[in-house]
Protein backbone atom coordinates (compact mmCIF):
# COMPACT_ATOMS: atom_id res chain seq x y z
CA LYS A 1 2.39 -28.26 -26.45
CA LYS A 2 5.31 -31.03 -26.80
CA GLN A 3 7.14 -27.48 -25.01
CA CYS A 4 5.21 -27.44 -22.71
CA PHE A 5 5.71 -30.76 -21.19
CA ASP A 6 8.07 -30.68 -17.75
CA SER A 7 9.40 -33.85 -17.17
CA ASN A 8 11.07 -33.19 -14.02
CA ILE A 9 7.60 -33.02 -12.49
CA ASP A 10 5.27 -36.55 -12.03
CA VAL A 11 2.59 -37.35 -13.20
CA ARG A 12 0.06 -36.95 -10.30
CA THR A 13 1.41 -33.47 -10.06
CA ARG A 14 1.37 -32.59 -13.46
CA ASN A 15 -2.71 -33.29 -13.88
CA PHE A 16 -3.59 -32.12 -10.93
CA LEU A 17 -2.16 -28.73 -12.45
CA ALA A 18 -3.52 -29.21 -15.21
CA HIS A 19 -7.05 -29.57 -14.00
CA ILE A 20 -6.96 -26.85 -11.45
CA LEU A 21 -5.70 -24.50 -14.41
CA ASN A 22 -9.46 -24.82 -16.48
CA GLN A 23 -10.77 -21.85 -16.15
CA ASP A 24 -14.30 -23.71 -14.56
CA ASN A 25 -12.53 -25.82 -12.75
CA CYS A 26 -10.33 -22.85 -10.98
CA ASN A 27 -13.84 -21.37 -11.13
CA MET A 28 -15.22 -23.95 -8.40
CA TYR A 29 -12.33 -25.33 -6.61
CA CYS A 30 -9.79 -23.03 -6.49
CA GLY A 31 -9.68 -19.28 -4.36
CA LYS A 32 -8.76 -16.44 -6.51
CA ARG A 33 -6.75 -12.91 -5.09
CA ASP A 34 -9.15 -10.85 -7.18
CA ALA A 35 -13.18 -11.66 -7.85
CA GLU A 36 -13.01 -10.39 -11.54
CA ARG A 37 -9.64 -12.82 -12.32
CA LYS A 38 -12.59 -14.83 -14.53
CA ASN A 39 -12.67 -12.18 -17.02
CA ASN A 40 -9.23 -12.26 -17.18
CA ASP A 41 -7.52 -15.27 -19.63
CA LYS A 42 -3.41 -14.46 -19.06
CA TYR A 43 -3.10 -14.92 -15.22
CA ARG A 44 -4.78 -17.81 -13.60
CA ASP A 45 -4.06 -17.02 -9.00
CA ILE A 46 -4.17 -20.24 -7.79
CA PHE A 47 -5.06 -20.09 -4.22
CA ILE A 48 -6.10 -24.11 -3.56
CA GLN A 49 -9.15 -24.66 -0.83
CA GLY A 50 -11.53 -26.80 0.78
CA LYS A 51 -10.43 -30.10 0.39
CA TYR A 52 -7.94 -29.70 -2.02
CA ALA A 53 -5.43 -28.03 -0.07
CA MET A 54 -5.75 -31.31 2.34
CA LEU A 55 -4.56 -33.30 -0.48
CA LEU A 56 -1.85 -30.98 -1.01
CA GLN A 57 0.14 -32.22 2.96
CA ASN A 58 -0.80 -35.55 1.97
CA GLU A 59 2.40 -37.26 0.88
CA ASN A 60 0.52 -40.89 -0.31
CA PRO A 61 -0.06 -40.74 -4.35
CA ASP A 62 -2.32 -43.63 -3.63
CA TYR A 63 -5.02 -41.14 -1.89
CA GLY A 64 -7.47 -39.80 -3.88
CA GLU A 65 -7.81 -38.92 -7.77
CA TYR A 66 -5.96 -35.40 -7.30
CA TYR A 67 -2.53 -35.19 -5.46
CA CYS A 68 -0.02 -33.17 -5.61
CA ASN A 69 4.02 -33.65 -4.23
CA VAL A 70 4.75 -29.45 -2.74
CA THR A 71 8.27 -30.81 -1.63
CA ASN A 72 8.72 -30.94 -5.49
CA THR A 73 11.29 -27.84 -6.37
CA HIS A 74 10.68 -28.53 -10.09
CA VAL A 75 7.42 -26.49 -10.02
CA MET A 76 8.59 -22.78 -9.51
CA GLY A 77 9.12 -22.24 -13.28
CA ALA A 78 7.64 -24.93 -15.31
CA THR A 79 4.83 -25.09 -17.92
CA ILE A 80 2.07 -26.67 -17.14
CA TRP A 81 -0.10 -27.94 -20.67
CA SER A 82 -4.17 -27.25 -19.86
CA GLY A 83 -7.43 -26.52 -22.12
CA GLN A 84 -5.23 -26.03 -25.32
CA LYS A 85 -3.11 -23.29 -23.35
CA CYS A 86 0.90 -23.07 -22.55
CA PHE A 87 1.10 -21.74 -18.73
CA ARG A 88 4.19 -20.82 -17.28
CA ASN A 89 4.47 -20.65 -13.03
CA THR A 90 5.24 -17.45 -12.26
CA HIS A 91 5.88 -15.12 -9.29
CA PRO A 92 2.56 -13.70 -7.51
CA ASN A 93 3.01 -9.82 -8.48
CA GLU A 94 4.29 -10.33 -12.34
CA GLY A 95 1.48 -8.45 -14.26
CA ASP A 96 0.28 -7.29 -11.35
CA ILE A 97 -0.50 -2.84 -12.47
CA ARG A 98 0.26 -0.84 -9.02
CA ASP A 99 0.41 2.49 -8.40
CA MET A 100 4.58 3.88 -8.38
CA THR A 101 3.63 7.00 -7.33
CA TYR A 102 5.37 6.13 -3.70
CA TRP A 103 8.92 4.51 -5.21
CA THR A 104 9.46 8.10 -7.51
CA GLY A 105 10.04 10.38 -4.38
CA ALA A 106 13.21 11.63 -3.24
CA ASP A 107 13.95 9.92 -0.18
CA THR A 108 12.04 6.86 -1.08
CA HIS A 109 13.99 4.93 -3.49
CA PRO A 110 17.34 4.31 -2.24
CA GLY A 111 18.16 5.19 -6.08
CA ASN A 112 16.36 8.77 -6.58
CA THR A 113 19.28 11.35 -6.49
CA PRO A 114 18.43 14.87 -8.05
CA ASP A 115 20.29 13.96 -11.50
CA ARG A 116 18.00 10.65 -11.72
CA ASN A 117 14.89 8.58 -11.00
CA PRO A 118 14.66 5.70 -12.00
CA ILE A 119 11.12 4.68 -10.93
CA LYS A 120 10.26 7.59 -13.79
CA GLU A 121 13.02 6.49 -15.91
CA PHE A 122 10.43 3.76 -17.28
CA HIS A 123 8.43 6.13 -18.27
CA ASP A 124 9.62 9.08 -19.32
CA LEU A 125 13.06 7.61 -20.77
CA HIS A 126 12.18 4.03 -21.55
CA LYS A 127 8.22 5.24 -23.33
CA THR A 128 7.17 2.34 -21.31
CA SER A 129 4.61 1.22 -18.44
CA ILE A 130 6.10 -2.29 -17.56
CA LEU A 131 8.60 -2.26 -14.32
CA SER A 132 11.43 -4.89 -14.73
CA TYR A 133 13.00 -5.92 -11.32
CA PRO A 134 16.43 -6.01 -11.12
CA ASN A 135 17.88 -9.19 -10.82
CA HIS A 136 20.29 -7.81 -8.75
CA HIS A 137 17.63 -6.76 -6.27
CA THR A 138 17.50 -9.62 -3.57
CA MET A 139 13.62 -10.11 -3.32
CA ASP A 140 13.73 -8.88 0.49
CA ARG A 141 12.91 -5.10 -1.22
CA TRP A 142 10.29 -6.17 -2.78
CA ALA A 143 8.56 -7.73 -0.11
CA ASN A 144 9.33 -4.88 2.69
CA ASN A 145 7.72 -1.98 0.32
CA ILE A 146 5.31 -3.83 -1.79
CA LYS A 147 2.21 -2.10 1.02
CA TRP A 148 3.22 1.09 -0.50
CA PHE A 149 2.10 0.60 -4.17
CA ASN A 150 -1.61 0.13 -4.46
CA TYR A 151 -2.98 -2.06 -6.33
CA LEU A 152 -5.12 -1.56 -9.49
CA GLY A 153 -5.26 -5.03 -10.81
CA LYS A 154 -3.97 -7.17 -13.17
CA GLU A 155 -2.58 -6.98 -16.87
CA ASP A 156 -5.53 -7.87 -19.34
CA ASP A 157 -8.25 -7.35 -16.71
CA LEU A 158 -11.27 -5.86 -16.92
CA LEU A 159 -12.77 -3.88 -14.94
CA TRP A 160 -15.34 -1.57 -13.20
CA PHE A 161 -14.30 2.10 -13.43
CA HIS A 162 -16.09 3.32 -9.98
CA ASP A 163 -14.15 0.03 -8.86
CA LEU A 164 -11.06 1.94 -9.30
CA PRO A 165 -9.28 4.30 -6.65
CA THR A 166 -10.71 7.11 -6.22
CA TYR A 167 -8.15 9.56 -7.32
CA ILE A 168 -7.26 7.97 -10.26
CA THR A 169 -11.08 8.08 -11.66
CA ASN A 170 -10.78 11.59 -11.10
CA ILE A 171 -8.41 12.39 -13.12
CA TYR A 172 -11.35 11.91 -16.30
CA GLY A 173 -12.68 15.19 -14.29
CA LYS A 174 -15.86 13.42 -12.69
CA SER A 175 -15.47 12.21 -9.34
CA VAL A 176 -17.34 8.46 -8.84
CA ARG A 177 -19.88 8.31 -6.40
CA GLU A 178 -20.54 4.09 -4.50
CA ARG A 179 -21.67 1.87 -7.52
CA GLY A 180 -26.05 1.58 -6.34
CA LYS A 181 -28.02 -1.10 -7.42
CA GLY A 182 -28.87 0.52 -10.51
CA VAL A 183 -26.89 3.37 -12.60
CA VAL A 184 -27.62 4.94 -15.76
CA VAL A 185 -24.49 6.18 -17.81
CA CYS A 186 -26.25 7.51 -21.20
CA ALA A 187 -22.70 9.03 -23.80
CA SER A 188 -22.97 10.74 -26.77
CA GLN A 189 -24.71 10.44 -29.78
CA ASN A 190 -22.51 7.92 -32.66
CA GLU A 191 -20.18 7.43 -28.60
CA VAL A 192 -18.97 3.80 -28.43
CA ALA A 193 -17.41 1.82 -25.50
CA LYS A 194 -14.26 2.02 -24.75
CA ASN A 195 -12.59 -1.18 -24.73
CA PRO A 196 -9.88 -1.57 -21.66
CA LEU A 197 -7.78 -4.28 -24.78
CA MET A 198 -7.33 -1.36 -26.96
CA PRO A 199 -4.31 1.13 -26.88
CA ASN A 200 -4.86 4.16 -24.45
CA SER A 201 -7.39 2.30 -22.27
CA ILE A 202 -7.44 3.38 -18.69
CA PHE A 203 -4.00 0.95 -17.15
CA GLU A 204 -2.21 2.66 -20.84
CA TRP A 205 -3.70 6.07 -19.80
CA LYS A 206 -2.53 6.39 -16.70
CA LEU A 207 0.93 4.98 -16.63
CA ARG A 208 2.51 5.91 -19.95
CA GLY A 209 0.72 9.16 -20.71
CA ARG A 210 -0.99 10.34 -23.76
CA PRO A 211 0.14 9.04 -27.14
CA ASN A 212 2.95 12.08 -28.75
CA TYR A 213 1.30 13.19 -32.20
CA LYS A 214 3.81 14.28 -35.04
CA SER A 215 3.01 18.00 -34.44
CA GLU A 216 -0.01 20.38 -33.24
CA ILE A 217 -0.09 20.44 -37.23
CA SER A 218 -1.03 17.32 -37.11
CA ILE A 219 -3.86 17.43 -34.87
CA GLN A 220 -5.50 20.79 -36.34
CA ASN A 221 -5.68 18.79 -39.24
CA GLN A 222 -7.20 15.71 -38.10
CA LYS A 223 -11.16 16.84 -38.57
CA LYS A 224 -10.32 17.77 -42.05
CA SER A 225 -8.76 14.70 -42.42
CA VAL A 226 -12.64 12.64 -41.54
CA TRP A 227 -14.64 15.57 -43.01
CA ARG A 228 -12.91 15.11 -46.46
CA MET A 229 -12.64 11.23 -46.28
CA ILE A 230 -17.09 11.43 -44.88
CA ALA A 231 -17.57 14.44 -47.84
CA LEU A 232 -15.96 12.62 -51.01
CA LYS A 233 -16.94 8.94 -50.34
CA SER A 234 -19.87 8.90 -48.11
CA PRO A 235 -22.26 7.03 -50.76
CA ASP A 236 -24.88 9.81 -49.33
CA GLN A 237 -23.95 12.72 -50.89
CA LEU A 238 -27.46 15.06 -50.59
CA ARG A 239 -26.97 14.43 -47.10
CA GLN A 240 -23.69 15.75 -47.32
CA ARG A 241 -23.92 18.24 -49.49
CA ILE A 242 -27.03 19.86 -47.83
CA ALA A 243 -24.95 19.67 -44.48
CA TRP A 244 -22.05 21.88 -46.05
CA ALA A 245 -24.18 24.55 -46.87
CA LEU A 246 -26.38 24.43 -43.60
CA SER A 247 -22.80 24.97 -41.75
CA GLN A 248 -21.90 27.44 -44.30
CA ILE A 249 -25.15 29.11 -42.76
CA LEU A 250 -24.83 28.18 -38.70
CA VAL A 251 -20.86 28.71 -38.34
CA VAL A 252 -18.38 28.18 -35.59
CA SER A 253 -14.87 29.23 -36.31
CA GLU A 254 -12.03 27.43 -34.51
CA GLN A 255 -10.28 31.26 -34.51
CA ASN A 256 -12.65 32.74 -33.07
CA ILE A 257 -12.59 29.79 -30.23
CA ASN A 258 -9.42 28.92 -29.75
CA HIS A 259 -9.92 25.11 -29.23
CA ARG A 260 -7.51 24.51 -33.18
CA GLY A 261 -6.96 21.03 -31.23
CA LEU A 262 -10.38 19.48 -31.34
CA THR A 263 -11.00 16.57 -33.39
CA GLU A 264 -14.69 15.27 -32.02
CA GLY A 265 -15.62 18.77 -30.99
CA PHE A 266 -16.28 20.30 -34.10
CA LEU A 267 -17.19 16.55 -36.12
CA ASN A 268 -19.95 16.58 -33.21
CA TYR A 269 -21.23 19.59 -34.58
CA TYR A 270 -21.04 18.84 -38.09
CA ASP A 271 -22.69 15.56 -36.76
CA ILE A 272 -25.71 18.21 -35.91
CA PHE A 273 -26.29 19.02 -39.89
CA VAL A 274 -25.85 16.25 -41.37
CA LYS A 275 -28.59 14.00 -38.57
CA HIS A 276 -31.12 16.94 -39.71
CA ALA A 277 -30.35 17.08 -43.22
CA PHE A 278 -34.27 16.67 -44.50
CA GLY A 279 -35.28 17.16 -41.41
CA ASN A 280 -36.42 20.25 -39.36
CA TYR A 281 -35.08 23.32 -38.96
CA ARG A 282 -36.03 23.74 -36.31
CA ASP A 283 -34.69 20.73 -34.30
CA ILE A 284 -30.96 22.12 -35.74
CA LEU A 285 -31.80 25.66 -34.18
CA LYS A 286 -32.33 23.99 -30.90
CA GLU A 287 -29.52 21.51 -31.04
CA VAL A 288 -26.59 23.85 -32.57
CA SER A 289 -28.36 26.61 -29.77
CA TYR A 290 -27.62 24.00 -26.79
CA ASN A 291 -23.42 23.21 -28.93
CA PRO A 292 -21.32 24.55 -26.53
CA LEU A 293 -19.22 25.43 -29.50
CA MET A 294 -21.71 27.84 -30.65
CA GLY A 295 -21.74 28.87 -27.39
CA LYS A 296 -18.83 29.81 -27.15
CA MET A 297 -18.83 31.46 -30.83
CA LEU A 298 -21.30 33.99 -29.59
CA SER A 299 -19.82 33.83 -26.17
CA PHE A 300 -23.96 33.94 -24.28
CA LEU A 301 -21.67 30.91 -22.84
CA ASP A 302 -21.89 31.74 -18.74
CA SER A 303 -24.37 34.69 -19.55
CA LYS A 304 -26.08 35.62 -16.56
CA SER A 305 -29.34 37.59 -15.54
CA SER A 306 -28.82 41.32 -14.33
CA LEU A 307 -30.45 39.70 -11.01
CA TYR A 308 -27.39 37.51 -10.14
CA THR A 309 -24.66 39.75 -11.24
CA ARG A 310 -26.29 42.63 -8.91
CA GLN A 311 -26.93 39.97 -5.51
CA GLN A 312 -22.97 38.44 -6.77
CA THR A 313 -20.97 41.92 -7.62
CA SER A 314 -23.56 44.14 -6.54
CA ARG A 315 -23.54 45.35 -9.98
CA THR A 316 -25.73 46.24 -12.72
CA ILE A 317 -24.80 44.23 -15.32
CA PHE A 318 -26.54 43.42 -18.50
CA PRO A 319 -26.48 39.67 -19.68
CA ASP A 320 -25.11 39.20 -23.54
CA GLU A 321 -26.74 39.95 -26.58
CA ASN A 322 -24.93 38.35 -29.50
CA PHE A 323 -26.43 35.45 -30.19
CA ALA A 324 -30.07 37.18 -29.68
CA ARG A 325 -29.56 38.52 -31.75
CA GLU A 326 -27.50 36.59 -34.70
CA ILE A 327 -29.94 33.75 -34.12
CA MET A 328 -32.38 36.32 -36.36
CA GLN A 329 -30.42 38.40 -38.18
CA LEU A 330 -28.09 35.73 -39.69
CA PHE A 331 -29.88 31.94 -38.83
CA SER A 332 -33.27 32.76 -38.92
CA ILE A 333 -36.40 35.61 -39.42
CA GLY A 334 -33.49 37.97 -41.21
CA THR A 335 -34.05 41.66 -40.34
CA VAL A 336 -36.32 42.77 -42.44
CA LEU A 337 -40.18 41.32 -43.19
CA LEU A 338 -40.59 39.54 -46.43
CA HIS A 339 -43.59 38.30 -48.80
CA ILE A 340 -43.55 34.69 -49.30
CA ASP A 341 -41.52 35.47 -53.08
CA GLY A 342 -39.55 36.59 -50.86
CA THR A 343 -39.96 40.17 -51.70
CA GLN A 344 -39.99 43.00 -48.30
CA LYS A 345 -42.59 44.44 -47.09
CA ILE A 346 -42.86 47.53 -47.08
CA ASP A 347 -44.99 50.03 -43.99
CA ALA A 348 -46.72 52.12 -46.29
CA THR A 349 -46.66 55.21 -44.06
CA THR A 350 -42.62 55.82 -44.23
CA GLY A 351 -42.28 53.48 -47.20
CA SER A 352 -39.29 51.76 -45.41
CA PRO A 353 -38.78 48.36 -45.46
CA ILE A 354 -40.69 46.57 -41.58
CA HIS A 355 -38.04 45.34 -39.65
CA THR A 356 -38.82 41.62 -37.89
CA TYR A 357 -37.47 43.45 -34.55
CA THR A 358 -36.20 46.30 -32.56
CA ASN A 359 -33.54 46.23 -30.16
CA HIS A 360 -35.98 45.78 -27.26
CA ASN A 361 -36.54 42.78 -28.64
CA ILE A 362 -32.64 42.07 -29.11
CA MET A 363 -32.28 43.28 -24.92
CA SER A 364 -34.98 40.83 -23.59
CA PHE A 365 -34.35 37.75 -25.84
CA ALA A 366 -30.66 38.42 -24.41
CA ARG A 367 -32.34 37.33 -21.38
CA ALA A 368 -33.79 34.00 -22.11
CA TRP A 369 -29.67 32.69 -23.46
CA THR A 370 -29.32 33.40 -19.35
CA GLY A 371 -27.65 30.01 -17.47
CA PHE A 372 -26.19 28.05 -20.19
CA ARG A 373 -23.24 26.28 -19.39
CA MET A 374 -20.86 23.62 -19.95
CA GLN A 375 -21.34 19.51 -19.03
CA LEU A 376 -18.00 18.92 -16.52
CA GLN A 377 -14.93 16.81 -18.45
CA ARG A 378 -15.79 13.04 -18.26
CA ALA A 379 -13.92 10.15 -19.57
CA ASN A 380 -14.56 8.54 -22.98
CA ILE A 381 -14.35 11.36 -25.13
CA GLU A 382 -11.69 13.89 -26.64
CA LYS A 383 -12.56 16.96 -24.95
CA GLY A 384 -16.06 16.32 -22.59
CA GLU A 385 -17.70 19.38 -22.33
CA VAL A 386 -17.24 20.73 -25.77
CA VAL A 387 -19.03 17.85 -26.89
CA ASP A 388 -21.88 16.85 -24.41
CA PRO A 389 -25.15 20.17 -25.15
CA MET A 390 -24.37 22.88 -22.44
CA PHE A 391 -27.32 22.71 -19.40
CA ILE A 392 -29.18 25.46 -18.30
CA ASP A 393 -28.47 26.53 -14.11
CA PRO A 394 -31.66 27.82 -12.54
CA ILE A 395 -29.28 29.93 -10.65
CA LYS A 396 -27.76 32.09 -13.15
CA ARG A 397 -31.00 32.04 -15.30
CA ASP A 398 -33.17 35.57 -16.06
CA ILE A 399 -36.40 33.77 -14.15
CA PHE A 400 -38.90 37.27 -14.87
CA PRO A 401 -40.70 37.73 -18.54
CA LYS A 402 -40.04 38.00 -21.90
CA ILE A 403 -41.93 40.02 -24.72
CA SER A 404 -42.21 37.97 -27.37
CA LEU A 405 -41.93 39.35 -31.51
CA ASP A 406 -45.43 39.90 -31.71
CA MET A 407 -45.31 42.03 -28.64
CA ASN A 408 -47.00 39.32 -26.52
CA PHE A 409 -45.48 36.80 -24.12
CA ILE A 410 -42.98 34.31 -24.25
CA GLY A 411 -44.85 31.61 -22.30
CA ASP A 412 -48.34 32.62 -23.26
CA GLY A 413 -50.56 30.11 -24.09
CA LEU A 414 -49.31 27.37 -21.70
CA PRO A 415 -51.57 26.90 -18.95
CA LEU A 416 -50.40 28.28 -15.07
CA CYS A 417 -48.73 25.79 -12.74
CA ASN A 418 -51.19 26.89 -10.46
CA ASP A 419 -54.15 25.58 -12.75
CA LEU A 420 -53.07 21.83 -13.35
CA PRO A 421 -55.35 19.26 -12.22
CA ARG A 422 -55.19 17.06 -9.02
CA ARG A 423 -52.29 14.69 -8.95
CA HIS A 424 -51.51 15.80 -12.47
CA PHE A 425 -48.56 13.35 -11.84
CA LEU A 426 -51.09 10.36 -12.06
CA LYS A 427 -52.34 11.25 -14.99
CA LYS A 428 -52.45 9.82 -18.21
CA LYS A 429 -49.37 10.95 -20.50
CA SER A 430 -47.43 12.04 -16.83
CA GLN A 431 -43.55 11.44 -17.58
CA TYR A 432 -40.84 9.68 -15.83
CA ARG A 433 -37.51 10.00 -16.00
CA LEU A 434 -34.56 7.11 -14.88
CA LEU A 435 -32.10 8.86 -13.03
CA GLY A 436 -30.37 5.27 -11.44
CA SER A 437 -29.59 4.71 -7.84
CA VAL A 438 -28.69 8.15 -7.55
CA SER A 439 -31.47 10.74 -6.10
CA ALA A 440 -30.03 13.47 -7.81
CA PRO A 441 -32.71 15.49 -9.71
CA GLU A 442 -31.14 15.76 -13.74
CA MET A 443 -34.14 17.82 -15.52
CA LEU A 444 -35.33 19.69 -12.70
CA HIS A 445 -34.10 22.12 -10.43
CA GLU A 446 -33.23 21.09 -6.41
CA GLU A 447 -31.62 23.46 -3.64
CA ALA A 448 -27.66 22.62 -3.92
CA SER A 449 -28.18 21.75 0.37
CA TRP A 450 -30.42 18.81 -1.22
CA ARG A 451 -28.74 17.25 -3.35
CA LEU A 452 -26.93 13.75 -2.48
CA LYS A 453 -28.08 13.97 1.16
CA PRO A 454 -29.16 10.91 2.39
CA GLU A 455 -31.41 12.46 5.06
CA THR A 456 -33.23 14.65 2.13
CA PHE A 457 -36.73 12.74 2.37
CA ARG A 458 -37.38 11.01 -1.28
CA LEU A 459 -41.18 9.67 -1.82
CA VAL A 460 -40.35 5.88 -1.21
CA LEU A 461 -43.69 4.58 -4.19
CA ASP A 462 -45.50 1.45 -1.64
CA LYS A 463 -44.31 -1.75 -2.61
CA SER A 464 -47.60 -3.98 -2.35
CA TYR A 465 -50.53 -1.23 -3.14
CA SER A 466 -49.12 1.46 -5.15
CA LYS A 467 -50.54 1.25 -8.97
CA LEU A 468 -47.01 4.04 -9.58
CA TYR A 469 -44.63 1.54 -8.03
CA LYS A 470 -45.98 -0.86 -10.02
CA VAL A 471 -45.90 0.81 -13.72
CA LEU A 472 -41.94 1.91 -12.12
CA ASN A 473 -41.18 -1.26 -11.92
CA ASP A 474 -42.29 -2.82 -14.65
CA PHE A 475 -39.78 -0.86 -16.68
CA THR A 476 -36.71 -1.42 -14.80
CA GLU A 477 -37.12 -4.94 -14.77
CA SER A 478 -38.07 -4.62 -19.33
CA LYS A 479 -33.82 -3.30 -19.77
CA VAL A 480 -36.08 -1.66 -22.21
CA PRO A 481 -33.85 0.78 -23.68
CA GLY A 482 -33.94 4.48 -23.15
CA THR A 483 -34.85 6.69 -19.87
CA ASN A 484 -38.67 7.88 -20.37
CA VAL A 485 -41.63 5.64 -19.41
CA PHE A 486 -45.27 7.84 -19.99
CA LEU A 487 -47.93 6.86 -17.77
CA LYS A 488 -51.02 5.23 -20.53
CA LYS A 489 -53.54 6.20 -18.57
CA ASP A 490 -54.89 8.19 -15.29
CA ILE A 491 -53.67 5.68 -11.90
CA GLU A 492 -55.30 5.86 -8.82
CA CYS A 493 -53.12 7.76 -6.05
CA TYR A 494 -52.24 5.22 -2.30
CA GLY A 495 -50.53 6.84 0.30
CA ASP A 496 -48.55 9.72 0.65
CA GLU A 497 -49.38 9.99 -3.17
CA CYS A 498 -53.00 10.94 -2.27
CA ILE A 499 -51.61 14.42 -0.02
CA VAL A 500 -48.96 15.76 -1.85
CA ASN A 501 -49.13 18.38 -4.65
CA THR A 502 -46.40 17.32 -6.90
CA LEU A 503 -43.29 14.80 -6.99
CA LYS A 504 -39.86 15.22 -7.81
CA GLN A 505 -38.61 12.17 -6.97
CA VAL A 506 -39.57 8.80 -6.61
CA GLU A 507 -37.98 5.51 -5.09
CA VAL A 508 -38.84 2.02 -6.44
CA ASN A 509 -36.90 -1.08 -5.20
CA GLY A 510 -33.75 1.50 -4.45
CA ILE A 511 -33.96 3.05 -8.28
CA PHE A 512 -35.28 6.82 -8.67
CA TYR A 513 -36.95 8.39 -11.80
CA GLU A 514 -37.56 12.25 -11.42
CA TYR A 515 -41.16 13.48 -13.01
CA ILE A 516 -41.43 15.90 -15.77
CA ARG A 517 -43.99 18.73 -14.96
CA PRO A 518 -46.14 18.98 -18.40
CA SER A 519 -45.21 22.78 -19.90
CA CYS A 520 -46.88 25.30 -17.71
CA VAL A 521 -46.16 28.99 -16.11
CA HIS A 522 -45.10 30.33 -12.74
CA LEU A 523 -46.19 34.14 -12.31
CA SER A 524 -43.61 36.27 -11.75
CA PHE A 525 -46.00 38.46 -9.66
CA PHE A 526 -49.02 37.86 -8.33
CA GLU A 527 -51.35 39.46 -5.64
CA ASN A 528 -52.35 38.28 -1.77
CA SER A 529 -47.59 37.78 -1.80
CA LYS A 530 -45.78 38.01 1.33
CA SER A 531 -41.91 38.49 1.32
CA ILE A 532 -39.90 36.02 2.98
CA ARG A 533 -36.19 35.51 3.41
CA LYS A 534 -34.63 31.96 4.41
CA ARG A 535 -32.20 32.12 7.01
CA ASN A 536 -28.83 33.94 5.66
CA GLY A 537 -30.38 33.86 2.30
CA TYR A 538 -32.86 36.24 -0.07
CA ALA A 539 -35.56 37.38 0.16
CA MET A 540 -38.47 35.26 -1.95
CA CYS A 541 -42.15 36.28 -2.56
CA GLU A 542 -44.60 33.53 -0.98
CA ASN A 543 -48.10 32.99 -2.04
CA LYS A 544 -50.08 29.72 -0.57
CA SER A 545 -51.89 28.79 -3.90
CA ASN A 546 -48.50 28.84 -6.15
CA ILE A 547 -46.28 25.11 -5.90
CA ILE A 548 -43.25 27.13 -5.96
CA ALA A 549 -42.34 31.39 -4.66
CA ALA A 550 -41.35 34.51 -6.27
CA SER A 551 -38.82 36.45 -6.46
CA ALA A 552 -39.47 39.64 -5.36
CA CYS A 553 -42.91 41.33 -4.63
CA THR A 554 -44.57 44.45 -6.13
CA LYS A 555 -45.20 47.03 -4.00
CA VAL A 556 -48.28 48.67 -3.91
CA SER A 557 -48.62 52.54 -3.83
CA ARG A 558 -50.18 54.64 -0.64
CA LYS A 559 -52.45 55.80 -3.54
CA GLU A 560 -53.41 52.50 -4.97
CA SER A 561 -53.98 50.86 -1.48
CA GLN A 562 -56.42 53.17 -0.28
CA LYS A 563 -58.14 52.72 -3.67
CA GLN A 564 -58.36 48.94 -2.84
CA GLY A 565 -59.42 49.89 0.54
């Protein structure tokens, strides 16, 4: 504190600045260039306003409690003690985080030549993101060019990712829409929030670049080091050993998928077995099937339906059969039927083992594994698209019936979608999923031209009378973790809710929810159908009793038509 005393500043001026520099007083009495400066404990941007601005102009030291001698040049660069901290007066732009790309251009900075780029040298040569303004340059050069250096924030600022310029957020592989009234961000399992104060925060990532690892080998060995540390030192040794055994059955190989440098992706895959070591094997198969590493390993990633490839290329290409075969042969039922004691079942007629599946089953199931695609890359993760579960693209998915192992059809036993009760979206146990401020559905398919368009109609629930509004709005305001809402009882409809057949999305006080319809089956072929076509689109098969159209209509032969007549 003694070292933070400047005797050249009069007492009144020192007391005034000390009072203003106090964080609480600064929030009350002075304007700040950045509204988020309250999150920064390192800098105070003091722009005096109101009656305090008037006091600064008064030369009478007896006028008012706070007086500041604005003619005292010793304030420049001086130190002031305030709130148990020592503050030093600096240039207003010191500590700025700015995009200096403009000055790296060949014809923008006077010192740039084909052999040297002084601005880039700070990063490329000196390995620092701190740009020091040379003492031999006049401040006019800075003042005249500062307009070209986009201001991002102040050193140690905590900013919303959405508030950063689009060209920076796009570095992370996904554009950020305008922040609305509420958003939902779901991280991957075991993922933690990003801390901008830690190394490689967004500013350091942009200006300093990624850290240099010692070698490519060290990157490949990261996952092995993490695995050894946990497998050998973890107290839950039984769980770890079961996980190891499961990983030897449902194998992914870095050599086969060309991702030797990944750490988080492989550890995330291995965690499936750790999590479900004492659980249900079906849960393991489901997570493994949606994991992008397995999608690459057994080549069903981006497998497309024959209808889609026919429409796009005019060629008949069958879906990839690799995973459809291996999930039965290696991961579950094996190649022959077994008795409860593990012995093979024998065909009494031929004396041969009874096979569990045929090539027809493989071809049928291969169509079930179409449409799987990787998620977009995102921030806060090593390589997001190989960590997040794959999603199903309905456009590329095979939608026709698929024969099951017992020679019935997959989906037998589920109700027809047309047989769902009227206003099923208001019945007990109906499920709604919180979307946030963006109306585009995540679990349901929607026409691409509708997504994110403001003119697309969304059902707005009545705030005063809709009982569905009350249920969903209570969930929004409750701040309960999670995204799914289940109706606890049947509720009555109101207004437009009474006239629609089903719902996709509803708007509740600026927040959107999507309705998750119960599992049901649409018939691919049906009677009383009519072929329709969108303008410049493909033909579909329409029946007014169906909520959605089928892909194609069946043709009735002339002889069959005469019989029906």
